[in-house]
Amino acid sequence: MFNHPTVTKLAGYLAGELVPAEPSPEDLLREALDRIDPSTLDDEHRDRLAAVLQQTLRTLVPDAPGLDLSSDEEIFAFIDNQL
């Protein structure tokens, strides 16, 4: 009671303890990428995934040099090195 003397402060404390914080966009992306096992992808799915990743990189960092990646290996190497 001394740490949370008002109902508002108590409610704020309880909300912080009981409601998990939303994950950051970085955490969401890492979680999604961790679920992908590249060794299980066939060529078609790998190409489609690579295209999505390329477009996402261009959207997030439109003026960054070196984002014109042309092969799956370059995309996955970029992800491994940057994330």
PDB file of N, CA and C in Angstrom:
ATOM      1  N   MET A   1       0.815  -1.185   0.000  1.00  0.00           N
ATOM      2  CA  MET A   1       0.000   0.000   0.000  1.00  0.00           C
ATOM      3  C   MET A   1       0.863   1.254   0.000  1.00  0.00           C
ATOM      4  N   PHE A   2       2.020   1.191   0.641  1.00  0.00           N
ATOM      5  CA  PHE A   2       2.875   2.373   0.683  1.00  0.00           C
ATOM      6  C   PHE A   2       3.524   2.646  -0.667  1.00  0.00           C
ATOM      7  N   ASN A   3       3.779   1.589  -1.443  1.00  0.00           N
ATOM      8  CA  ASN A   3       4.389   1.771  -2.762  1.00  0.00           C
ATOM      9  C   ASN A   3       3.389   2.261  -3.802  1.00  0.00           C
ATOM     10  N   HIS A   4       2.098   1.996  -3.568  1.00  0.00           N
ATOM     11  CA  HIS A   4       1.051   2.364  -4.529  1.00  0.00           C
ATOM     12  C   HIS A   4      -0.125   2.955  -3.743  1.00  0.00           C
ATOM     13  N   PRO A   5       0.033   4.189  -3.283  1.00  0.00           N
ATOM     14  CA  PRO A   5      -0.952   4.764  -2.368  1.00  0.00           C
ATOM     15  C   PRO A   5      -2.290   5.166  -2.980  1.00  0.00           C
ATOM     16  N   THR A   6      -2.367   5.220  -4.295  1.00  0.00           N
ATOM     17  CA  THR A   6      -3.647   5.577  -4.919  1.00  0.00           C
ATOM     18  C   THR A   6      -4.116   4.426  -5.803  1.00  0.00           C
ATOM     19  N   VAL A   7      -5.387   4.440  -6.098  1.00  0.00           N
ATOM     20  CA  VAL A   7      -5.956   3.414  -6.975  1.00  0.00           C
ATOM     21  C   VAL A   7      -5.316   3.496  -8.356  1.00  0.00           C
ATOM     22  N   THR A   8      -5.067   4.695  -8.834  1.00  0.00           N
ATOM     23  CA  THR A   8      -4.464   4.870 -10.157  1.00  0.00           C
ATOM     24  C   THR A   8      -3.064   4.277 -10.196  1.00  0.00           C
ATOM     25  N   LYS A   9      -2.265   4.538  -9.175  1.00  0.00           N
ATOM     26  CA  LYS A   9      -0.907   3.990  -9.131  1.00  0.00           C
ATOM     27  C   LYS A   9      -0.932   2.477  -8.970  1.00  0.00           C
ATOM     28  N   LEU A  10      -1.856   1.957  -8.187  1.00  0.00           N
ATOM     29  CA  LEU A  10      -1.983   0.517  -8.025  1.00  0.00           C
ATOM     30  C   LEU A  10      -2.407  -0.134  -9.339  1.00  0.00           C
ATOM     31  N   ALA A  11      -3.361   0.473 -10.033  1.00  0.00           N
ATOM     32  CA  ALA A  11      -3.813  -0.059 -11.320  1.00  0.00           C
ATOM     33  C   ALA A  11      -2.675  -0.040 -12.338  1.00  0.00           C
ATOM     34  N   GLY A  12      -1.906   1.037 -12.357  1.00  0.00           N
ATOM     35  CA  GLY A  12      -0.756   1.107 -13.260  1.00  0.00           C
ATOM     36  C   GLY A  12       0.266   0.021 -12.964  1.00  0.00           C
ATOM     37  N   TYR A  13       0.533  -0.194 -11.691  1.00  0.00           N
ATOM     38  CA  TYR A  13       1.475  -1.242 -11.296  1.00  0.00           C
ATOM     39  C   TYR A  13       0.958  -2.622 -11.712  1.00  0.00           C
ATOM     40  N   LEU A  14      -0.296  -2.901 -11.419  1.00  0.00           N
ATOM     41  CA  LEU A  14      -0.868  -4.203 -11.762  1.00  0.00           C
ATOM     42  C   LEU A  14      -0.899  -4.430 -13.273  1.00  0.00           C
ATOM     43  N   ALA A  15      -1.225  -3.397 -14.016  1.00  0.00           N
ATOM     44  CA  ALA A  15      -1.240  -3.524 -15.477  1.00  0.00           C
ATOM     45  C   ALA A  15       0.161  -3.845 -15.991  1.00  0.00           C
ATOM     46  N   GLY A  16       1.170  -3.200 -15.423  1.00  0.00           N
ATOM     47  CA  GLY A  16       2.538  -3.476 -15.827  1.00  0.00           C
ATOM     48  C   GLY A  16       2.997  -4.874 -15.483  1.00  0.00           C
ATOM     49  N   GLU A  17       2.484  -5.411 -14.392  1.00  0.00           N
ATOM     50  CA  GLU A  17       2.868  -6.753 -13.956  1.00  0.00           C
ATOM     51  C   GLU A  17       2.078  -7.856 -14.657  1.00  0.00           C
ATOM     52  N   LEU A  18       0.819  -7.603 -14.963  1.00  0.00           N
ATOM     53  CA  LEU A  18      -0.057  -8.649 -15.477  1.00  0.00           C
ATOM     54  C   LEU A  18      -0.192  -8.667 -16.994  1.00  0.00           C
ATOM     55  N   VAL A  19      -0.010  -7.530 -17.637  1.00  0.00           N
ATOM     56  CA  VAL A  19      -0.158  -7.435 -19.078  1.00  0.00           C
ATOM     57  C   VAL A  19       1.240  -7.390 -19.692  1.00  0.00           C
ATOM     58  N   PRO A  20       1.580  -8.386 -20.493  1.00  0.00           N
ATOM     59  CA  PRO A  20       2.925  -8.372 -21.076  1.00  0.00           C
ATOM     60  C   PRO A  20       3.088  -7.210 -22.050  1.00  0.00           C
ATOM     61  N   ALA A  21       4.286  -6.683 -22.094  1.00  0.00           N
ATOM     62  CA  ALA A  21       4.582  -5.602 -23.033  1.00  0.00           C
ATOM     63  C   ALA A  21       4.541  -6.150 -24.459  1.00  0.00           C
ATOM     64  N   GLU A  22       4.132  -5.312 -25.398  1.00  0.00           N
ATOM     65  CA  GLU A  22       4.117  -5.727 -26.795  1.00  0.00           C
ATOM     66  C   GLU A  22       5.550  -5.901 -27.271  1.00  0.00           C
ATOM     67  N   PRO A  23       5.803  -6.945 -28.042  1.00  0.00           N
ATOM     68  CA  PRO A  23       7.162  -7.121 -28.554  1.00  0.00           C
ATOM     69  C   PRO A  23       7.504  -6.025 -29.556  1.00  0.00           C
ATOM     70  N   SER A  24       8.775  -5.691 -29.617  1.00  0.00           N
ATOM     71  CA  SER A  24       9.226  -4.677 -30.565  1.00  0.00           C
ATOM     72  C   SER A  24       9.156  -5.246 -31.989  1.00  0.00           C
ATOM     73  N   PRO A  25       9.147  -4.368 -32.987  1.00  0.00           N
ATOM     74  CA  PRO A  25       9.158  -4.863 -34.369  1.00  0.00           C
ATOM     75  C   PRO A  25      10.370  -5.758 -34.640  1.00  0.00           C
ATOM     76  N   GLU A  26      11.516  -5.419 -34.055  1.00  0.00           N
ATOM     77  CA  GLU A  26      12.712  -6.245 -34.232  1.00  0.00           C
ATOM     78  C   GLU A  26      12.498  -7.646 -33.661  1.00  0.00           C
ATOM     79  N   ASP A  27      11.892  -7.712 -32.470  1.00  0.00           N
ATOM     80  CA  ASP A  27      11.625  -9.016 -31.864  1.00  0.00           C
ATOM     81  C   ASP A  27      10.642  -9.833 -32.702  1.00  0.00           C
ATOM     82  N   LEU A  28       9.630  -9.175 -33.247  1.00  0.00           N
ATOM     83  CA  LEU A  28       8.667  -9.872 -34.100  1.00  0.00           C
ATOM     84  C   LEU A  28       9.336 -10.436 -35.346  1.00  0.00           C
ATOM     85  N   LEU A  29      10.213  -9.629 -35.956  1.00  0.00           N
ATOM     86  CA  LEU A  29      10.910 -10.079 -37.156  1.00  0.00           C
ATOM     87  C   LEU A  29      11.838 -11.237 -36.838  1.00  0.00           C
ATOM     88  N   ARG A  30      12.594 -11.119 -35.752  1.00  0.00           N
ATOM     89  CA  ARG A  30      13.502 -12.204 -35.362  1.00  0.00           C
ATOM     90  C   ARG A  30      12.718 -13.498 -35.100  1.00  0.00           C
ATOM     91  N   GLU A  31      11.593 -13.388 -34.434  1.00  0.00           N
ATOM     92  CA  GLU A  31      10.767 -14.559 -34.138  1.00  0.00           C
ATOM     93  C   GLU A  31      10.289 -15.219 -35.428  1.00  0.00           C
ATOM     94  N   ALA A  32       9.840 -14.403 -36.371  1.00  0.00           N
ATOM     95  CA  ALA A  32       9.364 -14.949 -37.642  1.00  0.00           C
ATOM     96  C   ALA A  32      10.509 -15.613 -38.409  1.00  0.00           C
ATOM     97  N   LEU A  33      11.662 -14.978 -38.450  1.00  0.00           N
ATOM     98  CA  LEU A  33      12.801 -15.555 -39.168  1.00  0.00           C
ATOM     99  C   LEU A  33      13.311 -16.823 -38.499  1.00  0.00           C
ATOM    100  N   ASP A  34      13.237 -16.866 -37.179  1.00  0.00           N
ATOM    101  CA  ASP A  34      13.681 -18.067 -36.459  1.00  0.00           C
ATOM    102  C   ASP A  34      12.814 -19.275 -36.779  1.00  0.00           C
ATOM    103  N   ARG A  35      11.576 -19.042 -37.178  1.00  0.00           N
ATOM    104  CA  ARG A  35      10.671 -20.149 -37.497  1.00  0.00           C
ATOM    105  C   ARG A  35      10.929 -20.736 -38.882  1.00  0.00           C
ATOM    106  N   ILE A  36      11.737 -20.051 -39.685  1.00  0.00           N
ATOM    107  CA  ILE A  36      12.014 -20.517 -41.044  1.00  0.00           C
ATOM    108  C   ILE A  36      13.296 -21.344 -41.034  1.00  0.00           C
ATOM    109  N   ASP A  37      13.189 -22.564 -41.520  1.00  0.00           N
ATOM    110  CA  ASP A  37      14.357 -23.428 -41.676  1.00  0.00           C
ATOM    111  C   ASP A  37      14.690 -23.452 -43.164  1.00  0.00           C
ATOM    112  N   PRO A  38      15.715 -22.702 -43.585  1.00  0.00           N
ATOM    113  CA  PRO A  38      16.029 -22.620 -45.013  1.00  0.00           C
ATOM    114  C   PRO A  38      16.280 -23.984 -45.662  1.00  0.00           C
ATOM    115  N   SER A  39      16.731 -24.948 -44.894  1.00  0.00           N
ATOM    116  CA  SER A  39      17.014 -26.268 -45.480  1.00  0.00           C
ATOM    117  C   SER A  39      15.738 -27.002 -45.889  1.00  0.00           C
ATOM    118  N   THR A  40      14.595 -26.553 -45.419  1.00  0.00           N
ATOM    119  CA  THR A  40      13.336 -27.213 -45.769  1.00  0.00           C
ATOM    120  C   THR A  40      12.625 -26.557 -46.943  1.00  0.00           C
ATOM    121  N   LEU A  41      13.180 -25.466 -47.466  1.00  0.00           N
ATOM    122  CA  LEU A  41      12.528 -24.726 -48.551  1.00  0.00           C
ATOM    123  C   LEU A  41      12.938 -25.276 -49.908  1.00  0.00           C
ATOM    124  N   ASP A  42      11.956 -25.426 -50.782  1.00  0.00           N
ATOM    125  CA  ASP A  42      12.302 -25.774 -52.156  1.00  0.00           C
ATOM    126  C   ASP A  42      12.658 -24.486 -52.891  1.00  0.00           C
ATOM    127  N   ASP A  43      13.117 -24.609 -54.126  1.00  0.00           N
ATOM    128  CA  ASP A  43      13.598 -23.439 -54.872  1.00  0.00           C
ATOM    129  C   ASP A  43      12.528 -22.369 -55.038  1.00  0.00           C
ATOM    130  N   GLU A  44      11.292 -22.794 -55.313  1.00  0.00           N
ATOM    131  CA  GLU A  44      10.208 -21.827 -55.515  1.00  0.00           C
ATOM    132  C   GLU A  44       9.952 -21.016 -54.247  1.00  0.00           C
ATOM    133  N   HIS A  45       9.845 -21.705 -53.107  1.00  0.00           N
ATOM    134  CA  HIS A  45       9.583 -21.001 -51.856  1.00  0.00           C
ATOM    135  C   HIS A  45      10.774 -20.132 -51.457  1.00  0.00           C
ATOM    136  N   ARG A  46      11.978 -20.625 -51.694  1.00  0.00           N
ATOM    137  CA  ARG A  46      13.176 -19.844 -51.375  1.00  0.00           C
ATOM    138  C   ARG A  46      13.211 -18.553 -52.202  1.00  0.00           C
ATOM    139  N   ASP A  47      12.874 -18.661 -53.491  1.00  0.00           N
ATOM    140  CA  ASP A  47      12.861 -17.481 -54.359  1.00  0.00           C
ATOM    141  C   ASP A  47      11.799 -16.478 -53.913  1.00  0.00           C
ATOM    142  N   ARG A  48      10.615 -16.987 -53.549  1.00  0.00           N
ATOM    143  CA  ARG A  48       9.550 -16.087 -53.107  1.00  0.00           C
ATOM    144  C   ARG A  48       9.918 -15.412 -51.795  1.00  0.00           C
ATOM    145  N   LEU A  49      10.504 -16.170 -50.886  1.00  0.00           N
ATOM    146  CA  LEU A  49      10.934 -15.600 -49.610  1.00  0.00           C
ATOM    147  C   LEU A  49      12.028 -14.563 -49.835  1.00  0.00           C
ATOM    148  N   ALA A  50      12.974 -14.873 -50.706  1.00  0.00           N
ATOM    149  CA  ALA A  50      14.048 -13.930 -51.011  1.00  0.00           C
ATOM    150  C   ALA A  50      13.484 -12.635 -51.591  1.00  0.00           C
ATOM    151  N   ALA A  51      12.492 -12.740 -52.468  1.00  0.00           N
ATOM    152  CA  ALA A  51      11.879 -11.547 -53.057  1.00  0.00           C
ATOM    153  C   ALA A  51      11.186 -10.699 -51.991  1.00  0.00           C
ATOM    154  N   VAL A  52      10.487 -11.352 -51.077  1.00  0.00           N
ATOM    155  CA  VAL A  52       9.820 -10.619 -49.986  1.00  0.00           C
ATOM    156  C   VAL A  52      10.854  -9.917 -49.116  1.00  0.00           C
ATOM    157  N   LEU A  53      11.926 -10.609 -48.785  1.00  0.00           N
ATOM    158  CA  LEU A  53      12.971 -10.010 -47.952  1.00  0.00           C
ATOM    159  C   LEU A  53      13.642  -8.844 -48.671  1.00  0.00           C
ATOM    160  N   GLN A  54      13.916  -9.002 -49.961  1.00  0.00           N
ATOM    161  CA  GLN A  54      14.521  -7.903 -50.720  1.00  0.00           C
ATOM    162  C   GLN A  54      13.614  -6.676 -50.715  1.00  0.00           C
ATOM    163  N   GLN A  55      12.343  -6.881 -50.971  1.00  0.00           N
ATOM    164  CA  GLN A  55      11.411  -5.759 -50.997  1.00  0.00           C
ATOM    165  C   GLN A  55      11.313  -5.101 -49.620  1.00  0.00           C
ATOM    166  N   THR A  56      11.301  -5.909 -48.576  1.00  0.00           N
ATOM    167  CA  THR A  56      11.239  -5.373 -47.219  1.00  0.00           C
ATOM    168  C   THR A  56      12.471  -4.540 -46.910  1.00  0.00           C
ATOM    169  N   LEU A  57      13.636  -5.032 -47.284  1.00  0.00           N
ATOM    170  CA  LEU A  57      14.869  -4.272 -47.057  1.00  0.00           C
ATOM    171  C   LEU A  57      14.849  -2.952 -47.818  1.00  0.00           C
ATOM    172  N   ARG A  58      14.388  -2.992 -49.054  1.00  0.00           N
ATOM    173  CA  ARG A  58      14.306  -1.748 -49.835  1.00  0.00           C
ATOM    174  C   ARG A  58      13.316  -0.756 -49.217  1.00  0.00           C
ATOM    175  N   THR A  59      12.242  -1.279 -48.636  1.00  0.00           N
ATOM    176  CA  THR A  59      11.247  -0.421 -48.001  1.00  0.00           C
ATOM    177  C   THR A  59      11.792   0.200 -46.719  1.00  0.00           C
ATOM    178  N   LEU A  60      12.486  -0.617 -45.926  1.00  0.00           N
ATOM    179  CA  LEU A  60      13.012  -0.125 -44.649  1.00  0.00           C
ATOM    180  C   LEU A  60      14.198   0.804 -44.813  1.00  0.00           C
ATOM    181  N   VAL A  61      15.062   0.520 -45.797  1.00  0.00           N
ATOM    182  CA  VAL A  61      16.275   1.304 -45.983  1.00  0.00           C
ATOM    183  C   VAL A  61      16.422   1.604 -47.479  1.00  0.00           C
ATOM    184  N   PRO A  62      15.611   2.517 -47.994  1.00  0.00           N
ATOM    185  CA  PRO A  62      15.576   2.724 -49.444  1.00  0.00           C
ATOM    186  C   PRO A  62      16.884   3.243 -50.048  1.00  0.00           C
ATOM    187  N   ASP A  63      17.677   3.992 -49.301  1.00  0.00           N
ATOM    188  CA  ASP A  63      18.885   4.591 -49.864  1.00  0.00           C
ATOM    189  C   ASP A  63      20.164   3.879 -49.446  1.00  0.00           C
ATOM    190  N   ALA A  64      20.046   2.763 -48.763  1.00  0.00           N
ATOM    191  CA  ALA A  64      21.247   2.076 -48.277  1.00  0.00           C
ATOM    192  C   ALA A  64      21.962   1.377 -49.428  1.00  0.00           C
ATOM    193  N   PRO A  65      23.286   1.546 -49.471  1.00  0.00           N
ATOM    194  CA  PRO A  65      24.043   0.835 -50.509  1.00  0.00           C
ATOM    195  C   PRO A  65      24.111  -0.649 -50.170  1.00  0.00           C
ATOM    196  N   GLY A  66      24.247  -1.470 -51.189  1.00  0.00           N
ATOM    197  CA  GLY A  66      24.439  -2.896 -50.966  1.00  0.00           C
ATOM    198  C   GLY A  66      23.177  -3.694 -50.745  1.00  0.00           C
ATOM    199  N   LEU A  67      22.011  -3.075 -50.915  1.00  0.00           N
ATOM    200  CA  LEU A  67      20.776  -3.826 -50.716  1.00  0.00           C
ATOM    201  C   LEU A  67      20.233  -4.401 -52.020  1.00  0.00           C
ATOM    202  N   ASP A  68      20.972  -4.221 -53.094  1.00  0.00           N
ATOM    203  CA  ASP A  68      20.545  -4.817 -54.355  1.00  0.00           C
ATOM    204  C   ASP A  68      21.110  -6.232 -54.421  1.00  0.00           C
ATOM    205  N   LEU A  69      20.505  -7.108 -53.651  1.00  0.00           N
ATOM    206  CA  LEU A  69      20.979  -8.476 -53.546  1.00  0.00           C
ATOM    207  C   LEU A  69      20.278  -9.324 -54.587  1.00  0.00           C
ATOM    208  N   SER A  70      21.040 -10.154 -55.271  1.00  0.00           N
ATOM    209  CA  SER A  70      20.424 -10.874 -56.372  1.00  0.00           C
ATOM    210  C   SER A  70      20.220 -12.365 -56.126  1.00  0.00           C
ATOM    211  N   SER A  71      20.889 -12.934 -55.148  1.00  0.00           N
ATOM    212  CA  SER A  71      20.726 -14.372 -54.952  1.00  0.00           C
ATOM    213  C   SER A  71      20.220 -14.679 -53.551  1.00  0.00           C
ATOM    214  N   ASP A  72      19.654 -15.862 -53.408  1.00  0.00           N
ATOM    215  CA  ASP A  72      19.159 -16.310 -52.107  1.00  0.00           C
ATOM    216  C   ASP A  72      20.286 -16.323 -51.080  1.00  0.00           C
ATOM    217  N   GLU A  73      21.447 -16.808 -51.514  1.00  0.00           N
ATOM    218  CA  GLU A  73      22.577 -16.904 -50.595  1.00  0.00           C
ATOM    219  C   GLU A  73      22.969 -15.536 -50.070  1.00  0.00           C
ATOM    220  N   GLU A  74      22.950 -14.517 -50.954  1.00  0.00           N
ATOM    221  CA  GLU A  74      23.291 -13.162 -50.527  1.00  0.00           C
ATOM    222  C   GLU A  74      22.268 -12.630 -49.530  1.00  0.00           C
ATOM    223  N   ILE A  75      20.998 -12.921 -49.767  1.00  0.00           N
ATOM    224  CA  ILE A  75      19.944 -12.478 -48.847  1.00  0.00           C
ATOM    225  C   ILE A  75      20.145 -13.099 -47.473  1.00  0.00           C
ATOM    226  N   PHE A  76      20.303 -14.426 -47.426  1.00  0.00           N
ATOM    227  CA  PHE A  76      20.446 -15.091 -46.144  1.00  0.00           C
ATOM    228  C   PHE A  76      21.761 -14.709 -45.459  1.00  0.00           C
ATOM    229  N   ALA A  77      22.821 -14.479 -46.226  1.00  0.00           N
ATOM    230  CA  ALA A  77      24.081 -14.014 -45.635  1.00  0.00           C
ATOM    231  C   ALA A  77      23.889 -12.623 -45.046  1.00  0.00           C
ATOM    232  N   PHE A  78      23.160 -11.763 -45.746  1.00  0.00           N
ATOM    233  CA  PHE A  78      22.885 -10.427 -45.215  1.00  0.00           C
ATOM    234  C   PHE A  78      22.117 -10.512 -43.916  1.00  0.00           C
ATOM    235  N   ILE A  79      21.103 -11.351 -43.878  1.00  0.00           N
ATOM    236  CA  ILE A  79      20.298 -11.506 -42.667  1.00  0.00           C
ATOM    237  C   ILE A  79      21.170 -12.032 -41.535  1.00  0.00           C
ATOM    238  N   ASP A  80      21.961 -13.053 -41.817  1.00  0.00           N
ATOM    239  CA  ASP A  80      22.828 -13.621 -40.783  1.00  0.00           C
ATOM    240  C   ASP A  80      23.805 -12.586 -40.238  1.00  0.00           C
ATOM    241  N   ASN A  81      24.344 -11.747 -41.116  1.00  0.00           N
ATOM    242  CA  ASN A  81      25.344 -10.773 -40.690  1.00  0.00           C
ATOM    243  C   ASN A  81      24.754  -9.539 -40.033  1.00  0.00           C
ATOM    244  N   GLN A  82      23.564  -9.152 -40.436  1.00  0.00           N
ATOM    245  CA  GLN A  82      22.975  -7.916 -39.945  1.00  0.00           C
ATOM    246  C   GLN A  82      22.065  -8.119 -38.753  1.00  0.00           C
ATOM    247  N   LEU A  83      21.465  -9.270 -38.616  1.00  0.00           N
ATOM    248  CA  LEU A  83      20.557  -9.500 -37.501  1.00  0.00           C
ATOM    249  C   LEU A  83      21.274 -10.328 -36.496  1.00  0.00           C
TER     250      LEU A  83
END
